[in-house]
């Protein structure tokens, strides 16, 4: 599949920002089953300084500073991404206990790479409660892939998708107790449970092509970022699972980056001087190229070409399918002085 991707993050400030330092993780990764044909990051106002690097997990990071006074910051990714069928996991059964032991002893090929994904992290803490909960999926000598498939389906079938329940600070234990949340919460819960029994799991950030309700047009800007998790199969590699939809990740999943949890792959972080109160707006479009080209040739306005001014979704419009909920990207503001130097996260 070939997709045209547009992701706009826009901060509006109640007061002028005199200076900001920012880092963006918005460029999709190139992988054996995902090719990034083109990716451009547009920043307004224009930066006074800009550089690119890769973080400890190999994610592309754009660093930029802005010293032009402004009350709006807009960062937009335009990308063309080709996805291919992902490799199938090994058919030979691999007991989950053997995977746990290989990781603990450091005897598997990816043991060193796995270490950060076995430990506690900013939003994930290993807990006996979570180990006890996931035990029903981890019967003795059960194949690792079958066990994680069961966990993935359990979250999908027994937890409620609820955009009003959680915040960035909601813990996996709270998600388990209330059995509700969004994609970020479900990914964090699965990761925390698997790490609690000694398995390596990481957080994956990306996008999912969504389909409008039958008979309804695609609303430009109404898609959203998505999140899922990945488990290390010793001797083979990482396998991605999407608990929000109860499936493994496939060609409709566009992978942006991975880390220990959401904190490692937040789309945009920064420190600003001034700004007052902040308001965040996010617009995402994930459109198959064939559909995008057809709309451009026919003049249809229900799937405008990437880069066209986004339509504003009215409050009464039908919402897109809840299977591609947005990750929690609300800014967390920390006042450090009367000079209004603050941190975005």
Protein backbone atom coordinates (compact mmCIF):
# COMPACT_ATOMS: atom_id res chain seq x y z
CA UNK A 1 0.00 0.00 0.00
CA UNK A 2 1.13 3.55 -0.77
CA UNK A 3 -0.07 6.31 1.57
CA UNK A 4 0.05 10.07 1.62
CA UNK A 5 0.48 11.21 5.20
CA UNK A 6 -0.04 14.65 6.69
CA UNK A 7 0.33 15.34 10.41
CA UNK A 8 -0.02 18.90 11.69
CA UNK A 9 0.68 19.86 15.30
CA UNK A 10 -0.30 23.41 16.15
CA UNK A 11 0.23 25.26 19.45
CA UNK A 12 -1.63 28.50 20.04
CA UNK A 13 -0.41 30.73 22.88
CA UNK A 14 -2.34 33.39 24.79
CA UNK A 15 0.81 35.54 24.96
CA UNK A 16 3.77 35.99 22.68
CA UNK A 17 6.60 33.45 22.79
CA UNK A 18 9.97 35.14 22.45
CA UNK A 19 12.06 32.00 22.09
CA UNK A 20 11.60 28.22 21.92
CA UNK A 21 13.76 25.10 21.71
CA UNK A 22 12.01 22.06 20.27
CA UNK A 23 12.46 18.45 19.20
CA UNK A 24 10.10 16.64 16.86
CA UNK A 25 9.74 12.91 16.27
CA UNK A 26 7.49 12.98 13.24
CA UNK A 27 9.47 11.26 10.49
CA UNK A 28 8.43 7.63 9.84
CA UNK A 29 11.09 4.94 10.08
CA UNK A 30 12.43 3.06 7.06
CA UNK A 31 12.12 -0.68 7.66
CA UNK A 32 12.22 -3.87 5.58
CA UNK A 33 8.43 -3.74 5.28
CA UNK A 34 8.04 0.06 5.21
CA UNK A 35 9.67 2.45 2.74
CA UNK A 36 9.66 6.21 3.25
CA UNK A 37 9.61 7.56 -0.30
CA UNK A 38 9.54 11.20 0.77
CA UNK A 39 9.23 13.10 4.06
CA UNK A 40 9.28 16.85 4.57
CA UNK A 41 8.84 18.76 7.83
CA UNK A 42 7.47 22.32 7.50
CA UNK A 43 7.85 24.63 10.52
CA UNK A 44 6.18 28.02 10.99
CA UNK A 45 7.63 30.44 12.06
CA UNK A 46 10.86 29.47 10.37
CA UNK A 47 13.57 28.25 12.74
CA UNK A 48 16.75 30.21 13.38
CA UNK A 49 18.57 26.95 13.98
CA UNK A 50 17.79 23.41 12.85
CA UNK A 51 19.56 20.04 12.90
CA UNK A 52 18.72 16.35 12.62
CA UNK A 53 19.88 13.32 14.61
CA UNK A 54 18.76 9.86 15.69
CA UNK A 55 17.94 9.03 19.28
CA UNK A 56 19.08 5.99 21.26
CA UNK A 57 16.34 3.86 19.66
CA UNK A 58 17.10 4.90 16.09
CA UNK A 59 14.13 7.27 15.72
CA UNK A 60 14.66 10.35 13.55
CA UNK A 61 14.65 13.56 15.61
CA UNK A 62 14.44 17.10 14.26
CA UNK A 63 15.85 19.74 16.63
CA UNK A 64 14.96 23.36 15.99
CA UNK A 65 14.96 26.74 17.71
CA UNK A 66 12.75 29.76 16.98
CA UNK A 67 13.65 33.28 18.08
CA UNK A 68 10.93 35.10 16.11
CA UNK A 69 8.18 36.30 18.49
CA UNK A 70 5.03 34.29 17.80
CA UNK A 71 1.68 33.20 19.23
CA UNK A 72 1.26 30.15 16.98
CA UNK A 73 3.70 27.32 16.30
CA UNK A 74 2.80 24.94 13.48
CA UNK A 75 4.78 21.82 12.57
CA UNK A 76 3.55 19.74 9.62
CA UNK A 77 4.85 16.47 8.25
CA UNK A 78 4.14 15.63 4.61
CA UNK A 79 5.20 12.10 3.69
CA UNK A 80 4.73 9.37 1.12
CA UNK A 81 5.06 5.93 2.67
CA UNK A 82 4.89 2.47 1.10
CA UNK A 83 3.96 -0.48 3.33
CA UNK A 84 4.48 -4.14 2.50
CA UNK A 85 3.28 -7.37 4.10
CA UNK A 86 5.14 -8.01 7.34
CA UNK A 87 7.06 -11.25 7.88
CA UNK A 88 5.19 -14.03 9.67
CA UNK A 89 6.50 -15.12 13.08
CA UNK A 90 8.14 -18.53 13.45
CA UNK A 91 5.74 -21.45 13.20
CA UNK A 92 7.76 -23.57 15.61
CA UNK A 93 6.26 -23.23 19.12
CA UNK A 94 8.48 -21.31 21.54
CA UNK A 95 7.37 -21.56 25.19
CA UNK A 96 7.10 -18.15 26.78
CA UNK A 97 9.13 -19.30 29.80
CA UNK A 98 12.05 -20.17 27.50
CA UNK A 99 11.90 -16.62 26.08
CA UNK A 100 11.85 -15.13 29.58
CA UNK A 101 14.82 -17.25 30.68
CA UNK A 102 16.85 -16.46 27.55
CA UNK A 103 16.36 -12.74 28.19
CA UNK A 104 17.24 -13.06 31.87
CA UNK A 105 20.45 -14.98 31.08
CA UNK A 106 21.38 -12.80 28.10
CA UNK A 107 21.71 -15.81 25.83
CA UNK A 108 19.57 -14.62 22.89
CA UNK A 109 20.96 -12.62 19.97
CA UNK A 110 19.04 -9.45 20.85
CA UNK A 111 19.55 -9.54 24.63
CA UNK A 112 21.44 -6.24 24.74
CA UNK A 113 18.87 -4.46 22.54
CA UNK A 114 16.08 -5.83 24.76
CA UNK A 115 17.42 -4.49 28.07
CA UNK A 116 15.66 -1.06 28.04
CA UNK A 117 12.37 -2.82 27.23
CA UNK A 118 12.57 -5.09 30.28
CA UNK A 119 12.86 -2.29 32.85
CA UNK A 120 10.61 0.34 34.42
CA UNK A 121 10.28 3.57 32.45
CA UNK A 122 8.61 6.98 32.73
CA UNK A 123 5.03 5.72 32.33
CA UNK A 124 5.46 2.00 33.02
CA UNK A 125 6.22 0.22 36.29
CA UNK A 126 6.43 -3.53 36.74
CA UNK A 127 3.94 -4.72 39.34
CA UNK A 128 2.99 -8.12 40.86
CA UNK A 129 -0.66 -7.16 40.26
CA UNK A 130 -0.03 -6.94 36.52
CA UNK A 131 1.95 -10.18 36.49
CA UNK A 132 -0.96 -11.95 38.20
CA UNK A 133 -3.46 -10.47 35.73
CA UNK A 134 -1.56 -11.55 32.61
CA UNK A 135 -0.97 -15.05 34.02
CA UNK A 136 -4.28 -16.29 32.59
CA UNK A 137 -2.85 -15.79 29.10
CA UNK A 138 0.50 -17.36 30.03
CA UNK A 139 -0.36 -20.94 30.81
CA UNK A 140 2.65 -23.24 31.36
CA UNK A 141 4.75 -23.79 28.20
CA UNK A 142 2.32 -21.87 26.03
CA UNK A 143 3.80 -20.56 22.80
CA UNK A 144 4.87 -16.93 23.21
CA UNK A 145 3.08 -15.66 20.08
CA UNK A 146 -0.14 -17.47 21.03
CA UNK A 147 0.06 -16.07 24.56
CA UNK A 148 0.51 -12.47 23.38
CA UNK A 149 -2.24 -12.93 20.77
CA UNK A 150 -4.51 -13.98 23.67
CA UNK A 151 -3.54 -10.91 25.71
CA UNK A 152 -4.11 -8.67 22.70
CA UNK A 153 -7.61 -10.11 22.12
CA UNK A 154 -8.45 -9.95 25.83
CA UNK A 155 -7.81 -6.21 25.97
CA UNK A 156 -9.80 -5.70 22.78
CA UNK A 157 -12.77 -7.75 23.99
CA UNK A 158 -12.95 -6.75 27.66
CA UNK A 159 -11.81 -3.11 27.77
CA UNK A 160 -13.85 -0.08 26.67
CA UNK A 161 -12.48 2.56 24.35
CA UNK A 162 -13.12 5.85 26.18
CA UNK A 163 -11.53 9.15 25.14
CA UNK A 164 -12.75 10.90 28.29
CA UNK A 165 -11.24 8.52 30.83
CA UNK A 166 -7.49 9.01 30.83
CA UNK A 167 -4.74 11.63 30.80
CA UNK A 168 -1.00 11.39 30.23
CA UNK A 169 -0.59 10.54 33.91
CA UNK A 170 -3.04 7.59 33.96
CA UNK A 171 -1.19 4.45 35.08
CA UNK A 172 -1.56 0.92 33.69
CA UNK A 173 -2.96 -0.14 37.07
CA UNK A 174 -5.75 2.42 36.74
CA UNK A 175 -6.50 1.26 33.21
CA UNK A 176 -6.71 -2.32 34.47
CA UNK A 177 -8.97 -1.36 37.36
CA UNK A 178 -11.42 0.64 35.26
CA UNK A 179 -11.00 -1.45 32.09
CA UNK A 180 -11.15 1.54 29.78
CA UNK A 181 -8.87 3.96 27.97
CA UNK A 182 -7.44 4.77 24.53
CA UNK A 183 -4.73 3.23 22.36
CA UNK A 184 -1.90 4.68 24.44
CA UNK A 185 -3.40 3.25 27.63
CA UNK A 186 -3.93 -0.22 26.15
CA UNK A 187 -0.37 -0.32 24.81
CA UNK A 188 1.05 0.78 28.17
CA UNK A 189 -1.02 -1.84 29.99
CA UNK A 190 0.14 -4.70 27.77
CA UNK A 191 3.77 -3.58 27.98
CA UNK A 192 3.67 -3.24 31.76
CA UNK A 193 2.09 -6.68 32.17
CA UNK A 194 4.61 -8.40 29.89
CA UNK A 195 7.60 -6.71 31.50
CA UNK A 196 6.23 -7.74 34.90
CA UNK A 197 6.78 -11.40 33.94
CA UNK A 198 10.22 -10.83 32.41
CA UNK A 199 9.34 -10.41 28.71
CA UNK A 200 10.66 -7.56 26.54
CA UNK A 201 7.99 -5.21 25.18
CA UNK A 202 8.23 -1.77 23.61
CA UNK A 203 5.86 1.07 22.76
CA UNK A 204 5.19 1.80 19.08
CA UNK A 205 3.87 5.10 17.75
CA UNK A 206 2.39 5.54 14.30
CA UNK A 207 -0.78 5.83 12.27
CA UNK A 208 -3.58 3.60 11.10
CA UNK A 209 -5.60 4.07 7.94
CA UNK A 210 -9.20 4.55 9.04
CA UNK A 211 -12.36 4.14 7.01
CA UNK A 212 -15.31 6.54 7.32
CA UNK A 213 -18.72 5.16 8.33
CA UNK A 214 -20.66 3.63 5.39
CA UNK A 215 -22.09 6.33 3.17
CA UNK A 216 -20.07 9.09 4.84
CA UNK A 217 -17.20 11.05 3.21
CA UNK A 218 -13.69 10.95 4.59
CA UNK A 219 -13.20 14.06 6.74
CA UNK A 220 -9.88 15.73 6.06
CA UNK A 221 -7.87 16.23 9.25
CA UNK A 222 -10.05 13.79 11.19
CA UNK A 223 -7.66 10.83 11.29
CA UNK A 224 -5.37 10.52 14.30
CA UNK A 225 -2.11 9.13 15.52
CA UNK A 226 -2.18 5.59 16.86
CA UNK A 227 -0.17 3.42 19.26
CA UNK A 228 0.43 -0.27 19.77
CA UNK A 229 3.10 -2.52 21.29
CA UNK A 230 5.79 -4.92 20.17
CA UNK A 231 7.19 -8.08 21.80
CA UNK A 232 10.63 -9.56 21.29
CA UNK A 233 10.70 -13.16 20.10
CA UNK A 234 14.23 -14.38 20.92
CA UNK A 235 16.07 -15.59 17.85
CA UNK A 236 13.56 -13.98 15.47
CA UNK A 237 12.83 -10.32 16.22
CA UNK A 238 10.01 -7.98 17.21
CA UNK A 239 6.33 -8.68 16.50
CA UNK A 240 3.74 -5.87 16.67
CA UNK A 241 0.29 -6.18 18.26
CA UNK A 242 -2.58 -3.66 18.18
CA UNK A 243 -4.78 -4.17 21.30
CA UNK A 244 -7.16 -1.36 20.34
CA UNK A 245 -8.25 -3.43 17.37
CA UNK A 246 -7.39 -6.93 18.60
CA UNK A 247 -5.06 -7.62 15.65
CA UNK A 248 -1.41 -7.78 14.77
CA UNK A 249 -0.07 -4.71 13.00
CA UNK A 250 -0.26 -4.98 9.21
CA UNK A 251 -0.04 -2.99 5.99
CA UNK A 252 -2.54 -0.37 7.24
CA UNK A 253 -0.27 0.45 10.18
CA UNK A 254 2.34 3.13 9.42
CA UNK A 255 5.16 3.01 11.94
CA UNK A 256 6.61 6.30 13.17
CA UNK A 257 8.93 5.23 16.00
CA UNK A 258 9.39 3.13 19.11
CA UNK A 259 10.64 3.50 22.65
CA UNK A 260 10.16 2.35 26.23
CA UNK A 261 6.82 4.18 26.47
CA UNK A 262 5.04 7.25 25.09
CA UNK A 263 7.58 9.62 26.65
CA UNK A 264 10.29 8.37 24.27
CA UNK A 265 8.26 9.04 21.12
CA UNK A 266 6.19 12.14 21.92
CA UNK A 267 5.64 13.91 18.56
CA UNK A 268 6.74 17.33 19.78
CA UNK A 269 8.56 18.46 22.92
CA UNK A 270 10.01 21.81 23.78
CA UNK A 271 10.76 24.68 26.13
CA UNK A 272 9.30 28.12 25.51
CA UNK A 273 9.94 31.54 26.98
CA UNK A 274 6.63 33.36 27.43
CA UNK A 275 3.46 32.01 25.86
CA UNK A 276 0.99 32.16 28.75
CA UNK A 277 -1.67 29.50 28.29
CA UNK A 278 -1.33 26.95 25.48
CA UNK A 279 -3.92 25.30 23.25
CA UNK A 280 -3.01 22.25 21.21
CA UNK A 281 -4.56 21.31 17.85
CA UNK A 282 -3.72 18.16 15.88
CA UNK A 283 -4.81 17.24 12.34
CA UNK A 284 -3.90 13.93 10.71
CA UNK A 285 -4.65 12.47 7.28
CA UNK A 286 -3.67 8.95 6.21
CA UNK A 287 -4.92 8.54 2.65
CA UNK A 288 -4.17 5.75 0.16
CA UNK A 289 -2.44 7.31 -2.82
CA UNK A 290 -4.94 5.88 -5.33
CA UNK A 291 -7.82 7.50 -3.45
CA UNK A 292 -5.88 10.75 -3.13
CA UNK A 293 -5.14 10.85 -6.88
CA UNK A 294 -8.76 10.05 -7.74
CA UNK A 295 -10.02 12.89 -5.57
CA UNK A 296 -7.55 15.29 -7.14
CA UNK A 297 -8.58 14.33 -10.69
CA UNK A 298 -12.32 14.50 -10.03
CA UNK A 299 -12.30 17.54 -7.79
CA UNK A 300 -14.01 15.61 -4.99
CA UNK A 301 -13.76 17.39 -1.66
CA UNK A 302 -14.18 14.38 0.58
CA UNK A 303 -10.55 13.31 0.13
CA UNK A 304 -8.61 16.46 -0.72
CA UNK A 305 -4.97 16.12 -1.80
CA UNK A 306 -2.43 16.18 1.00
CA UNK A 307 -1.39 19.74 1.61
CA UNK A 308 -4.80 21.23 0.82
CA UNK A 309 -6.34 23.38 3.55
CA UNK A 310 -7.99 21.01 6.04
CA UNK A 311 -11.70 20.99 6.50
CA UNK A 312 -12.83 21.78 10.03
CA UNK A 313 -14.90 18.89 11.38
CA UNK A 314 -18.11 20.37 12.84
CA UNK A 315 -19.19 19.26 16.29
CA UNK A 316 -22.22 17.50 14.84
CA UNK A 317 -20.30 15.59 12.18
CA UNK A 318 -20.01 11.83 12.51
CA UNK A 319 -16.71 11.01 14.19
CA UNK A 320 -14.23 8.68 12.50
CA UNK A 321 -14.02 5.10 13.68
CA UNK A 322 -12.72 4.88 17.21
CA UNK A 323 -10.14 2.29 16.23
CA UNK A 324 -7.54 4.99 15.46
CA UNK A 325 -7.76 7.13 18.56
CA UNK A 326 -5.22 9.87 19.08
CA UNK A 327 -2.42 9.42 21.54
CA UNK A 328 -2.49 11.73 24.53
CA UNK A 329 -0.55 14.77 23.34
CA UNK A 330 -1.95 17.36 25.71
CA UNK A 331 0.83 19.75 26.78
CA UNK A 332 2.02 19.59 30.37
CA UNK A 333 3.08 23.08 31.39
CA UNK A 334 5.59 23.62 34.18
CA UNK A 335 6.05 27.17 35.38
CA UNK A 336 9.62 27.87 36.48
CA UNK A 337 9.54 31.63 37.02
CA UNK A 338 7.55 34.79 36.52
CA UNK A 339 9.33 35.09 33.19
CA UNK A 340 6.93 32.35 31.98
CA UNK A 341 9.61 29.92 30.90
CA UNK A 342 7.65 26.72 30.42
CA UNK A 343 8.00 23.16 29.19
CA UNK A 344 5.83 21.47 26.56
CA UNK A 345 5.44 17.73 26.54
